Amino acid sequence: MIRTLTLIAFGGGIGSVFRYLTSVLVQKYYASVFPLATLITNVLGCFIIGLLMGVFEKNQVVNSDLKWLFITGFCGGYTTFSTFGFENISLFQNNHSAMAFLYISGSVLLGLFAVWMGLILTK
C-alpha cells in the first residue's frame, strides 16, 4: 500500500508540474477568454493515457507499479477535469454560454478521439 501511494504521489507530482508548464507555455502565446491551456492539457492527457494503455496492452505489461506511476499518478496529476468544470461554470456565470458549450463539446470529442488515436498508434 505504501509503495503504491508513493508511486501515485511521485507520478502525480510530475504530472502536476507538466500541467503547470503546459499552462505557462500556452499563455505565453495565447490570451483569450477560451481556456485553451486546459483544453490542450485534457486532450493531450487523454492521448497519453490511450498511448500508455495501448503500449501496456500490446506488450502484455502486467506490472501494476507502472500503471500506478504513469496512469493513475502522472495522467491523474496532469489532466484537469476539475479545472474544466470550474472554468465552464465561470464561462456560464460570465454570460459566455456559447463558449462554454464549445469548450465542453470540444473537450469531450477531442479527448475521445485522442484516446482512440493513442490506442491506434500502438497497434
Protein backbone atom coordinates (compact mmCIF):
# COMPACT_ATOMS: atom_id res chain seq x y z
CA MET A 1 0.00 0.00 0.00
CA ILE A 2 2.79 2.47 0.91
CA ARG A 3 4.65 1.61 -2.30
CA THR A 4 1.52 2.18 -4.40
CA LEU A 5 0.79 5.52 -2.74
CA THR A 6 4.40 6.60 -3.23
CA LEU A 7 4.27 5.74 -6.95
CA ILE A 8 0.98 7.59 -7.40
CA ALA A 9 2.27 10.62 -5.48
CA PHE A 10 5.52 10.74 -7.45
CA GLY A 11 3.77 10.37 -10.81
CA GLY A 12 1.08 12.86 -9.79
CA GLY A 13 3.68 15.40 -8.74
CA ILE A 14 5.43 15.17 -12.09
CA GLY A 15 2.08 15.32 -13.91
CA SER A 16 1.12 18.44 -11.97
CA VAL A 17 4.39 20.15 -12.87
CA PHE A 18 3.86 19.29 -16.54
CA ARG A 19 0.30 20.62 -16.32
CA TYR A 20 1.64 23.92 -14.96
CA LEU A 21 4.31 24.11 -17.66
CA THR A 22 1.70 23.47 -20.35
CA SER A 23 -0.36 26.38 -19.00
CA VAL A 24 2.67 28.68 -18.90
CA LEU A 25 3.64 27.78 -22.46
CA VAL A 26 0.14 28.24 -23.88
CA GLN A 27 -0.46 31.51 -22.01
CA LYS A 28 2.84 32.83 -23.37
CA TYR A 29 1.50 32.61 -26.93
CA TYR A 30 -2.29 32.80 -26.49
CA ALA A 31 -4.54 35.10 -24.49
CA SER A 32 -8.33 34.82 -24.64
CA VAL A 33 -11.48 34.06 -22.68
CA PHE A 34 -11.35 30.49 -24.08
CA PRO A 35 -9.37 28.23 -21.68
CA LEU A 36 -7.07 26.77 -24.37
CA ALA A 37 -4.39 25.56 -21.92
CA THR A 38 -6.87 23.34 -20.10
CA LEU A 39 -8.32 22.04 -23.38
CA ILE A 40 -4.82 21.17 -24.64
CA THR A 41 -3.96 19.54 -21.32
CA ASN A 42 -7.14 17.44 -21.32
CA VAL A 43 -6.73 16.31 -24.93
CA LEU A 44 -3.02 15.61 -24.52
CA GLY A 45 -3.67 13.79 -21.25
CA CYS A 46 -6.31 11.64 -22.96
CA PHE A 47 -3.86 10.90 -25.78
CA ILE A 48 -1.12 9.93 -23.31
CA ILE A 49 -3.40 7.62 -21.33
CA GLY A 50 -4.57 5.97 -24.57
CA LEU A 51 -0.99 5.58 -25.74
CA LEU A 52 0.17 4.13 -22.42
CA MET A 53 -2.75 1.74 -22.11
CA GLY A 54 -2.17 0.62 -25.70
CA VAL A 55 1.54 0.04 -25.09
CA PHE A 56 0.84 -1.82 -21.85
CA GLU A 57 -1.77 -4.00 -23.56
CA LYS A 58 0.33 -4.64 -26.67
CA ASN A 59 3.35 -5.65 -24.61
CA GLN A 60 1.24 -7.50 -22.05
CA VAL A 61 2.59 -5.34 -19.23
CA VAL A 62 1.05 -6.60 -16.03
CA ASN A 63 3.36 -4.65 -13.74
CA SER A 64 0.84 -2.65 -11.74
CA ASP A 65 3.63 -0.38 -10.44
CA LEU A 66 3.99 1.10 -13.93
CA LYS A 67 0.26 1.63 -14.17
CA TRP A 68 0.12 3.30 -10.74
CA LEU A 69 3.04 5.56 -11.65
CA PHE A 70 2.02 6.57 -15.16
CA ILE A 71 -1.75 6.12 -15.46
CA THR A 72 -3.06 6.97 -12.01
CA GLY A 73 -0.13 9.16 -11.00
CA PHE A 74 1.16 11.10 -14.00
CA CYS A 75 -2.05 11.22 -16.05
CA GLY A 76 -4.13 11.91 -12.95
CA GLY A 77 -1.84 14.77 -11.97
CA TYR A 78 -1.64 16.14 -15.50
CA THR A 79 -5.27 16.17 -16.59
CA THR A 80 -7.53 18.84 -15.27
CA PHE A 81 -11.18 17.97 -15.41
CA SER A 82 -11.82 19.60 -12.05
CA THR A 83 -10.47 22.82 -13.51
CA PHE A 84 -12.55 22.08 -16.59
CA GLY A 85 -15.72 22.06 -14.51
CA PHE A 86 -14.83 25.26 -12.71
CA GLU A 87 -13.94 27.08 -15.93
CA ASN A 88 -17.23 26.09 -17.56
CA ILE A 89 -19.21 27.35 -14.59
CA SER A 90 -17.24 30.61 -14.81
CA LEU A 91 -17.97 30.91 -18.52
CA PHE A 92 -21.71 30.41 -17.87
CA GLN A 93 -21.67 32.89 -14.99
CA ASN A 94 -19.95 35.47 -17.21
CA ASN A 95 -22.55 35.07 -19.99
CA HIS A 96 -20.23 33.12 -22.31
CA SER A 97 -22.63 30.18 -22.75
CA ALA A 98 -21.72 29.54 -26.39
CA MET A 99 -18.03 29.43 -25.46
CA ALA A 100 -18.82 27.02 -22.60
CA PHE A 101 -20.73 24.66 -24.90
CA LEU A 102 -17.91 24.81 -27.46
CA TYR A 103 -15.39 24.06 -24.73
CA ILE A 104 -17.43 21.16 -23.31
CA SER A 105 -18.08 19.53 -26.69
CA GLY A 106 -14.52 20.13 -27.91
CA SER A 107 -13.00 18.64 -24.76
CA VAL A 108 -15.17 15.53 -24.83
CA LEU A 109 -14.99 14.84 -28.56
CA LEU A 110 -11.29 15.65 -28.95
CA GLY A 111 -10.49 13.73 -25.76
CA LEU A 112 -12.25 10.60 -27.00
CA PHE A 113 -10.55 10.96 -30.38
CA ALA A 114 -7.15 11.37 -28.70
CA VAL A 115 -7.60 8.21 -26.60
CA TRP A 116 -8.61 6.34 -29.76
CA MET A 117 -5.56 7.68 -31.65
CA GLY A 118 -3.27 6.69 -28.79
CA LEU A 119 -4.66 3.16 -28.92
CA ILE A 120 -4.43 3.04 -32.75
CA LEU A 121 -0.79 4.16 -32.72
CA THR A 122 0.16 1.22 -30.52
CA LYS A 123 -1.35 -1.41 -32.82
